[in-house]
N, C-alpha and C. Protein backbone atom coordinates (compact mmCIF):
# COMPACT_ATOMS: atom_id res chain seq x y z
N MET A 1 26.45 57.14 -85.79
CA MET A 1 25.70 55.94 -85.48
C MET A 1 25.00 55.40 -86.73
N ILE A 2 24.36 56.28 -87.49
CA ILE A 2 23.69 55.85 -88.71
C ILE A 2 24.71 55.33 -89.71
N GLU A 3 25.88 55.97 -89.73
CA GLU A 3 26.94 55.52 -90.64
C GLU A 3 27.39 54.09 -90.30
N THR A 4 27.45 53.76 -89.02
CA THR A 4 27.83 52.41 -88.60
C THR A 4 26.79 51.39 -89.08
N TYR A 5 25.52 51.71 -88.88
CA TYR A 5 24.46 50.81 -89.35
C TYR A 5 24.49 50.65 -90.86
N LEU A 6 24.72 51.73 -91.57
CA LEU A 6 24.80 51.68 -93.02
C LEU A 6 25.97 50.81 -93.47
N ASN A 7 27.11 50.95 -92.80
CA ASN A 7 28.27 50.12 -93.12
C ASN A 7 27.98 48.64 -92.89
N HIS A 8 27.34 48.32 -91.77
CA HIS A 8 26.99 46.93 -91.48
C HIS A 8 25.99 46.40 -92.51
N PHE A 9 25.02 47.22 -92.85
CA PHE A 9 24.01 46.85 -93.84
C PHE A 9 24.68 46.56 -95.19
N LEU A 10 25.54 47.45 -95.65
CA LEU A 10 26.23 47.25 -96.93
C LEU A 10 27.17 46.05 -96.89
N PHE A 11 27.87 45.89 -95.78
CA PHE A 11 28.78 44.76 -95.62
C PHE A 11 28.01 43.44 -95.65
N PHE A 12 26.85 43.41 -94.98
CA PHE A 12 26.01 42.21 -94.98
C PHE A 12 25.57 41.85 -96.40
N PHE A 13 25.11 42.85 -97.15
CA PHE A 13 24.65 42.56 -98.51
C PHE A 13 25.79 42.23 -99.47
N LEU A 14 26.97 42.78 -99.22
CA LEU A 14 28.14 42.37 -100.00
C LEU A 14 28.41 40.89 -99.76
N ALA A 15 28.43 40.48 -98.49
CA ALA A 15 28.69 39.09 -98.15
C ALA A 15 27.60 38.17 -98.70
N LEU A 16 26.34 38.57 -98.55
CA LEU A 16 25.24 37.75 -99.03
C LEU A 16 25.29 37.59 -100.55
N GLY A 17 25.43 38.70 -101.27
CA GLY A 17 25.47 38.64 -102.73
C GLY A 17 26.67 37.85 -103.25
N LEU A 18 27.82 38.11 -102.67
CA LEU A 18 29.02 37.39 -103.09
C LEU A 18 28.91 35.90 -102.79
N SER A 19 28.38 35.56 -101.63
CA SER A 19 28.21 34.15 -101.27
C SER A 19 27.25 33.45 -102.22
N LEU A 20 26.14 34.08 -102.53
CA LEU A 20 25.18 33.48 -103.47
C LEU A 20 25.81 33.30 -104.85
N TYR A 21 26.51 34.31 -105.32
CA TYR A 21 27.16 34.24 -106.63
C TYR A 21 28.22 33.13 -106.66
N LEU A 22 29.12 33.14 -105.68
CA LEU A 22 30.19 32.16 -105.66
C LEU A 22 29.67 30.74 -105.48
N ASN A 23 28.64 30.59 -104.66
CA ASN A 23 28.07 29.25 -104.46
C ASN A 23 27.49 28.72 -105.76
N LYS A 24 26.76 29.56 -106.49
CA LYS A 24 26.18 29.13 -107.76
C LYS A 24 27.28 28.85 -108.79
N TYR A 25 28.28 29.75 -108.86
CA TYR A 25 29.36 29.60 -109.83
C TYR A 25 30.17 28.33 -109.57
N LEU A 26 30.56 28.12 -108.32
CA LEU A 26 31.35 26.93 -107.99
C LEU A 26 30.53 25.65 -108.12
N ASN A 27 29.27 25.72 -107.75
CA ASN A 27 28.40 24.54 -107.90
C ASN A 27 28.29 24.15 -109.37
N ASN A 28 28.09 25.15 -110.26
CA ASN A 28 28.03 24.87 -111.69
C ASN A 28 29.35 24.31 -112.21
N SER A 29 30.47 24.86 -111.74
CA SER A 29 31.79 24.37 -112.16
C SER A 29 32.00 22.93 -111.72
N PHE A 30 31.64 22.62 -110.48
CA PHE A 30 31.78 21.26 -109.99
C PHE A 30 30.86 20.31 -110.75
N ASN A 31 29.65 20.76 -111.07
CA ASN A 31 28.72 19.91 -111.84
C ASN A 31 29.26 19.64 -113.24
N LEU A 32 29.79 20.67 -113.90
CA LEU A 32 30.34 20.49 -115.25
C LEU A 32 31.51 19.51 -115.27
N ASN A 33 32.31 19.52 -114.21
CA ASN A 33 33.46 18.62 -114.12
C ASN A 33 33.12 17.30 -113.41
N LYS A 34 31.83 17.10 -113.13
CA LYS A 34 31.34 15.88 -112.49
C LYS A 34 32.09 15.56 -111.20
N MET A 35 32.29 16.59 -110.38
CA MET A 35 32.95 16.43 -109.08
C MET A 35 31.86 16.36 -108.01
N PHE A 36 31.31 15.16 -107.82
CA PHE A 36 30.20 14.97 -106.89
C PHE A 36 30.67 14.29 -105.62
N ASP A 37 29.95 14.56 -104.55
CA ASP A 37 30.17 13.88 -103.28
C ASP A 37 29.57 12.49 -103.40
N PRO A 38 30.36 11.45 -103.11
CA PRO A 38 29.79 10.09 -103.24
C PRO A 38 28.65 9.88 -102.24
N ILE A 39 27.65 9.18 -102.68
CA ILE A 39 26.49 8.90 -101.83
C ILE A 39 26.78 7.61 -101.07
N THR A 40 26.78 7.71 -99.73
CA THR A 40 27.00 6.56 -98.86
C THR A 40 25.84 6.46 -97.89
N ASP A 41 25.89 5.45 -97.03
CA ASP A 41 24.81 5.29 -96.06
C ASP A 41 24.82 6.41 -95.01
N ARG A 42 25.93 7.12 -94.86
CA ARG A 42 26.03 8.24 -93.92
C ARG A 42 25.70 9.57 -94.56
N SER A 43 25.46 9.60 -95.87
CA SER A 43 25.20 10.85 -96.58
C SER A 43 23.85 11.44 -96.18
N SER A 44 23.80 12.76 -96.17
CA SER A 44 22.54 13.44 -95.89
C SER A 44 21.77 13.71 -97.18
N HIS A 45 22.36 13.40 -98.32
CA HIS A 45 21.71 13.63 -99.61
C HIS A 45 21.53 12.31 -100.35
N ARG A 46 20.51 12.25 -101.20
CA ARG A 46 20.22 11.04 -101.98
C ARG A 46 20.45 11.27 -103.47
N LEU A 47 20.60 12.52 -103.88
CA LEU A 47 20.90 12.86 -105.27
C LEU A 47 22.32 13.41 -105.33
N ASN A 48 22.86 13.53 -106.55
CA ASN A 48 24.21 14.07 -106.71
C ASN A 48 24.31 15.46 -106.08
N ALA A 49 25.35 15.65 -105.29
CA ALA A 49 25.62 16.94 -104.65
C ALA A 49 27.11 17.23 -104.79
N THR A 50 27.43 18.50 -104.88
CA THR A 50 28.84 18.88 -105.00
C THR A 50 29.39 19.24 -103.63
N ARG A 51 30.70 19.40 -103.57
CA ARG A 51 31.37 19.77 -102.32
C ARG A 51 31.89 21.21 -102.42
N SER A 52 31.12 22.08 -103.02
CA SER A 52 31.60 23.43 -103.31
C SER A 52 31.20 24.48 -102.27
N GLY A 53 30.33 24.15 -101.33
CA GLY A 53 29.82 25.13 -100.38
C GLY A 53 30.89 25.73 -99.48
N GLY A 54 31.76 24.89 -98.93
CA GLY A 54 32.81 25.39 -98.05
C GLY A 54 33.78 26.30 -98.76
N LEU A 55 34.09 25.97 -100.01
CA LEU A 55 34.98 26.80 -100.81
C LEU A 55 34.35 28.17 -101.08
N ALA A 56 33.05 28.19 -101.35
CA ALA A 56 32.35 29.45 -101.57
C ALA A 56 32.37 30.31 -100.31
N VAL A 57 32.17 29.69 -99.15
CA VAL A 57 32.20 30.42 -97.88
C VAL A 57 33.59 30.98 -97.63
N PHE A 58 34.63 30.18 -97.90
CA PHE A 58 36.00 30.62 -97.69
C PHE A 58 36.34 31.81 -98.58
N PHE A 59 36.00 31.73 -99.87
CA PHE A 59 36.29 32.84 -100.78
C PHE A 59 35.50 34.10 -100.40
N THR A 60 34.25 33.91 -99.97
CA THR A 60 33.44 35.05 -99.52
C THR A 60 34.10 35.70 -98.31
N PHE A 61 34.55 34.88 -97.37
CA PHE A 61 35.22 35.42 -96.18
C PHE A 61 36.46 36.20 -96.58
N CYS A 62 37.26 35.65 -97.49
CA CYS A 62 38.50 36.31 -97.91
C CYS A 62 38.22 37.68 -98.53
N VAL A 63 37.24 37.76 -99.41
CA VAL A 63 36.91 39.04 -100.04
C VAL A 63 36.36 40.02 -99.00
N CYS A 64 35.45 39.55 -98.16
CA CYS A 64 34.87 40.43 -97.14
C CYS A 64 35.93 40.88 -96.14
N TYR A 65 36.84 39.99 -95.79
CA TYR A 65 37.93 40.38 -94.89
C TYR A 65 38.79 41.45 -95.55
N GLY A 66 39.11 41.27 -96.82
CA GLY A 66 39.92 42.25 -97.55
C GLY A 66 39.24 43.60 -97.60
N VAL A 67 37.96 43.61 -97.91
CA VAL A 67 37.21 44.87 -97.98
C VAL A 67 37.12 45.51 -96.59
N GLY A 68 36.80 44.69 -95.59
CA GLY A 68 36.69 45.21 -94.22
C GLY A 68 38.01 45.75 -93.69
N LYS A 69 39.09 45.07 -93.99
CA LYS A 69 40.41 45.51 -93.54
C LYS A 69 40.83 46.79 -94.27
N ALA A 70 40.56 46.84 -95.59
CA ALA A 70 40.93 48.02 -96.38
C ALA A 70 40.15 49.26 -95.95
N THR A 71 38.92 49.08 -95.55
CA THR A 71 38.11 50.22 -95.14
C THR A 71 38.24 50.52 -93.64
N GLY A 72 38.92 49.65 -92.92
CA GLY A 72 39.11 49.85 -91.48
C GLY A 72 37.90 49.48 -90.65
N LEU A 73 36.97 48.72 -91.22
CA LEU A 73 35.75 48.37 -90.50
C LEU A 73 35.93 47.16 -89.58
N ILE A 74 36.89 46.29 -89.89
CA ILE A 74 37.08 45.11 -89.05
C ILE A 74 38.55 44.95 -88.69
N GLU A 75 38.75 44.29 -87.57
CA GLU A 75 40.09 43.97 -87.10
C GLU A 75 40.05 42.54 -86.60
N ILE A 76 40.87 41.69 -87.17
CA ILE A 76 40.89 40.28 -86.78
C ILE A 76 42.30 39.91 -86.34
N ASN A 77 42.38 39.19 -85.25
CA ASN A 77 43.65 38.69 -84.75
C ASN A 77 44.28 37.78 -85.80
N LEU A 78 45.57 37.94 -86.07
CA LEU A 78 46.23 37.15 -87.12
C LEU A 78 46.25 35.66 -86.81
N TYR A 79 46.35 35.29 -85.53
CA TYR A 79 46.28 33.86 -85.18
C TYR A 79 44.91 33.29 -85.54
N ALA A 80 43.85 34.04 -85.27
CA ALA A 80 42.50 33.59 -85.60
C ALA A 80 42.34 33.47 -87.11
N LEU A 81 42.91 34.42 -87.86
CA LEU A 81 42.86 34.35 -89.31
C LEU A 81 43.62 33.13 -89.83
N LEU A 82 44.78 32.87 -89.25
CA LEU A 82 45.56 31.69 -89.62
C LEU A 82 44.78 30.41 -89.33
N CYS A 83 44.12 30.36 -88.19
CA CYS A 83 43.31 29.20 -87.81
C CYS A 83 42.18 28.99 -88.82
N PHE A 84 41.50 30.07 -89.18
CA PHE A 84 40.41 29.97 -90.14
C PHE A 84 40.92 29.44 -91.49
N CYS A 85 42.04 29.96 -91.95
CA CYS A 85 42.61 29.51 -93.23
C CYS A 85 43.02 28.05 -93.15
N LEU A 86 43.60 27.63 -92.03
CA LEU A 86 44.00 26.24 -91.86
C LEU A 86 42.78 25.31 -91.89
N ILE A 87 41.73 25.69 -91.20
CA ILE A 87 40.51 24.88 -91.19
C ILE A 87 39.90 24.82 -92.60
N ALA A 88 39.93 25.93 -93.31
CA ALA A 88 39.41 25.93 -94.68
C ALA A 88 40.24 25.01 -95.57
N LEU A 89 41.55 25.05 -95.43
CA LEU A 89 42.41 24.17 -96.23
C LEU A 89 42.18 22.70 -95.88
N ILE A 90 41.97 22.41 -94.61
CA ILE A 90 41.65 21.04 -94.21
C ILE A 90 40.34 20.60 -94.87
N GLY A 91 39.35 21.47 -94.87
CA GLY A 91 38.06 21.14 -95.48
C GLY A 91 38.16 20.92 -96.97
N VAL A 92 38.88 21.81 -97.66
CA VAL A 92 39.06 21.66 -99.11
C VAL A 92 39.86 20.39 -99.40
N GLY A 93 40.91 20.16 -98.63
CA GLY A 93 41.71 18.95 -98.81
C GLY A 93 40.88 17.70 -98.58
N ASP A 94 40.03 17.73 -97.57
CA ASP A 94 39.17 16.58 -97.29
C ASP A 94 38.15 16.38 -98.41
N ASP A 95 37.60 17.47 -98.93
CA ASP A 95 36.64 17.36 -100.02
C ASP A 95 37.27 16.79 -101.28
N LEU A 96 38.49 17.21 -101.58
CA LEU A 96 39.13 16.80 -102.83
C LEU A 96 39.90 15.49 -102.72
N PHE A 97 40.50 15.23 -101.55
CA PHE A 97 41.39 14.07 -101.42
C PHE A 97 40.98 13.08 -100.34
N ASN A 98 39.87 13.32 -99.65
CA ASN A 98 39.41 12.44 -98.57
C ASN A 98 40.50 12.16 -97.54
N ILE A 99 40.82 13.16 -96.75
CA ILE A 99 41.82 13.02 -95.69
C ILE A 99 41.32 12.02 -94.65
N LYS A 100 42.21 11.17 -94.17
CA LYS A 100 41.85 10.19 -93.14
C LYS A 100 41.47 10.92 -91.86
N TYR A 101 40.59 10.30 -91.09
CA TYR A 101 40.05 10.98 -89.92
C TYR A 101 41.12 11.29 -88.88
N ARG A 102 42.16 10.46 -88.74
CA ARG A 102 43.22 10.74 -87.75
C ARG A 102 43.99 12.00 -88.13
N GLU A 103 44.40 12.09 -89.40
CA GLU A 103 45.14 13.26 -89.84
C GLU A 103 44.28 14.51 -89.72
N LYS A 104 43.01 14.37 -90.09
CA LYS A 104 42.09 15.50 -90.01
C LYS A 104 41.91 15.94 -88.55
N PHE A 105 41.79 14.98 -87.65
CA PHE A 105 41.64 15.29 -86.23
C PHE A 105 42.85 16.05 -85.70
N PHE A 106 44.06 15.56 -86.01
CA PHE A 106 45.26 16.22 -85.49
C PHE A 106 45.47 17.60 -86.12
N LEU A 107 45.09 17.77 -87.38
CA LEU A 107 45.17 19.10 -87.99
C LEU A 107 44.17 20.06 -87.33
N GLN A 108 42.97 19.55 -87.02
CA GLN A 108 41.97 20.37 -86.33
C GLN A 108 42.43 20.70 -84.91
N LEU A 109 43.06 19.74 -84.25
CA LEU A 109 43.60 19.98 -82.91
C LEU A 109 44.68 21.06 -82.97
N PHE A 110 45.55 20.98 -83.97
CA PHE A 110 46.58 22.02 -84.14
C PHE A 110 45.94 23.38 -84.38
N ALA A 111 44.92 23.42 -85.23
CA ALA A 111 44.23 24.69 -85.50
C ALA A 111 43.57 25.21 -84.23
N GLY A 112 43.04 24.31 -83.41
CA GLY A 112 42.44 24.72 -82.15
C GLY A 112 43.47 25.31 -81.20
N ILE A 113 44.66 24.74 -81.18
CA ILE A 113 45.73 25.28 -80.34
C ILE A 113 46.15 26.66 -80.84
N VAL A 114 46.20 26.82 -82.16
CA VAL A 114 46.50 28.15 -82.73
C VAL A 114 45.42 29.14 -82.31
N LEU A 115 44.16 28.71 -82.33
CA LEU A 115 43.06 29.58 -81.91
C LEU A 115 43.20 29.97 -80.44
N LEU A 116 43.61 29.02 -79.61
CA LEU A 116 43.84 29.33 -78.19
C LEU A 116 44.95 30.38 -78.05
N GLN A 117 45.97 30.28 -78.89
CA GLN A 117 47.06 31.25 -78.85
C GLN A 117 46.59 32.65 -79.23
N SER A 118 45.50 32.73 -79.99
CA SER A 118 44.98 34.04 -80.39
C SER A 118 44.19 34.69 -79.26
N GLY A 119 43.95 33.93 -78.19
CA GLY A 119 43.24 34.51 -77.05
C GLY A 119 41.77 34.14 -76.97
N TYR A 120 41.28 33.38 -77.93
CA TYR A 120 39.88 32.96 -77.91
C TYR A 120 39.78 31.68 -77.11
N MET A 121 39.03 31.74 -76.01
CA MET A 121 38.95 30.60 -75.11
C MET A 121 37.65 30.67 -74.33
N ILE A 122 37.08 29.54 -74.03
CA ILE A 122 35.90 29.48 -73.17
C ILE A 122 36.42 29.40 -71.75
N ASP A 123 36.37 30.53 -71.04
CA ASP A 123 36.93 30.57 -69.69
C ASP A 123 35.86 30.75 -68.61
N SER A 124 34.60 30.82 -69.04
CA SER A 124 33.51 30.96 -68.09
C SER A 124 32.22 30.46 -68.73
N PHE A 125 31.38 29.86 -67.90
CA PHE A 125 30.05 29.46 -68.37
C PHE A 125 29.00 30.48 -67.97
N HIS A 126 29.41 31.54 -67.28
CA HIS A 126 28.53 32.65 -66.89
C HIS A 126 27.28 32.18 -66.16
N GLY A 127 27.45 31.18 -65.28
CA GLY A 127 26.35 30.70 -64.45
C GLY A 127 25.57 29.54 -65.03
N VAL A 128 25.81 29.15 -66.28
CA VAL A 128 25.12 27.99 -66.85
C VAL A 128 25.61 26.75 -66.10
N PHE A 129 24.69 25.89 -65.70
CA PHE A 129 24.99 24.70 -64.89
C PHE A 129 25.59 25.08 -63.54
N GLY A 130 25.42 26.34 -63.12
CA GLY A 130 25.97 26.81 -61.86
C GLY A 130 27.48 27.01 -61.89
N ILE A 131 28.06 27.07 -63.10
CA ILE A 131 29.52 27.21 -63.24
C ILE A 131 29.83 28.62 -63.71
N GLU A 132 30.74 29.25 -63.02
CA GLU A 132 31.20 30.58 -63.42
C GLU A 132 32.56 30.47 -64.10
N GLU A 133 33.63 30.85 -63.42
CA GLU A 133 34.99 30.82 -63.97
C GLU A 133 35.50 29.38 -64.05
N LEU A 134 36.24 29.08 -65.12
CA LEU A 134 36.88 27.77 -65.27
C LEU A 134 38.37 27.91 -65.01
N PRO A 135 38.97 26.90 -64.38
CA PRO A 135 40.43 26.91 -64.27
C PRO A 135 41.05 26.86 -65.66
N TYR A 136 42.28 27.37 -65.79
CA TYR A 136 42.93 27.48 -67.10
C TYR A 136 43.00 26.13 -67.83
N SER A 137 43.43 25.08 -67.14
CA SER A 137 43.58 23.78 -67.81
C SER A 137 42.24 23.24 -68.29
N LEU A 138 41.20 23.38 -67.49
CA LEU A 138 39.87 22.94 -67.90
C LEU A 138 39.35 23.81 -69.04
N SER A 139 39.66 25.08 -68.99
CA SER A 139 39.26 26.01 -70.05
C SER A 139 39.87 25.60 -71.39
N VAL A 140 41.14 25.19 -71.38
CA VAL A 140 41.79 24.73 -72.61
C VAL A 140 41.11 23.48 -73.14
N VAL A 141 40.84 22.51 -72.26
CA VAL A 141 40.20 21.26 -72.68
C VAL A 141 38.80 21.52 -73.24
N VAL A 142 38.00 22.31 -72.54
CA VAL A 142 36.64 22.62 -72.99
C VAL A 142 36.67 23.37 -74.32
N SER A 143 37.56 24.33 -74.44
CA SER A 143 37.66 25.11 -75.68
C SER A 143 38.04 24.23 -76.86
N LEU A 144 39.04 23.37 -76.68
CA LEU A 144 39.45 22.47 -77.76
C LEU A 144 38.34 21.49 -78.11
N PHE A 145 37.66 20.95 -77.10
CA PHE A 145 36.57 20.02 -77.35
C PHE A 145 35.45 20.69 -78.15
N VAL A 146 35.03 21.86 -77.72
CA VAL A 146 33.96 22.57 -78.43
C VAL A 146 34.40 22.93 -79.84
N PHE A 147 35.62 23.41 -79.99
CA PHE A 147 36.13 23.78 -81.32
C PHE A 147 36.13 22.58 -82.26
N ILE A 148 36.64 21.46 -81.82
CA ILE A 148 36.72 20.28 -82.68
C ILE A 148 35.34 19.72 -82.98
N VAL A 149 34.45 19.69 -81.98
CA VAL A 149 33.10 19.19 -82.23
C VAL A 149 32.35 20.09 -83.19
N VAL A 150 32.46 21.40 -83.04
CA VAL A 150 31.77 22.33 -83.93
C VAL A 150 32.35 22.25 -85.33
N VAL A 151 33.67 22.13 -85.45
CA VAL A 151 34.32 22.07 -86.76
C VAL A 151 33.96 20.78 -87.49
N THR A 152 33.90 19.66 -86.79
CA THR A 152 33.66 18.38 -87.45
C THR A 152 32.20 18.14 -87.78
N LEU A 153 31.30 18.90 -87.20
CA LEU A 153 29.88 18.66 -87.51
C LEU A 153 29.42 19.45 -88.67
């Protein structure tokens, strides 16, 4: 039991340290190459900001997944891993090339379908709003809706 907590503790600090390092490194690289997010009326920032955060998170996940898989501490469904990689590529592509919203939506929808194939689905509200089990078709619609809304925000 203590070994499990120690593993989680070490894994957490590996992820935290690596994320902080990669975020700073990529942010500096983007700043040096003047790769800034354009400031528009929809922007949440008013000063120059880079688009390096998602890339840092993706690289951190890849390293942590590799370490976790090599040590046998984590097991991830390959469909879910494929979905995560696809979403990361969509994000990087959007950051670098400004993907149109229709193409981005359909790629996210495809990734959501891949995620459903991995077995991850919202099939019950567990009594929230008085709803328990959801029918399969409604479960698919709710899962895709939540996935796309969470991904796009």
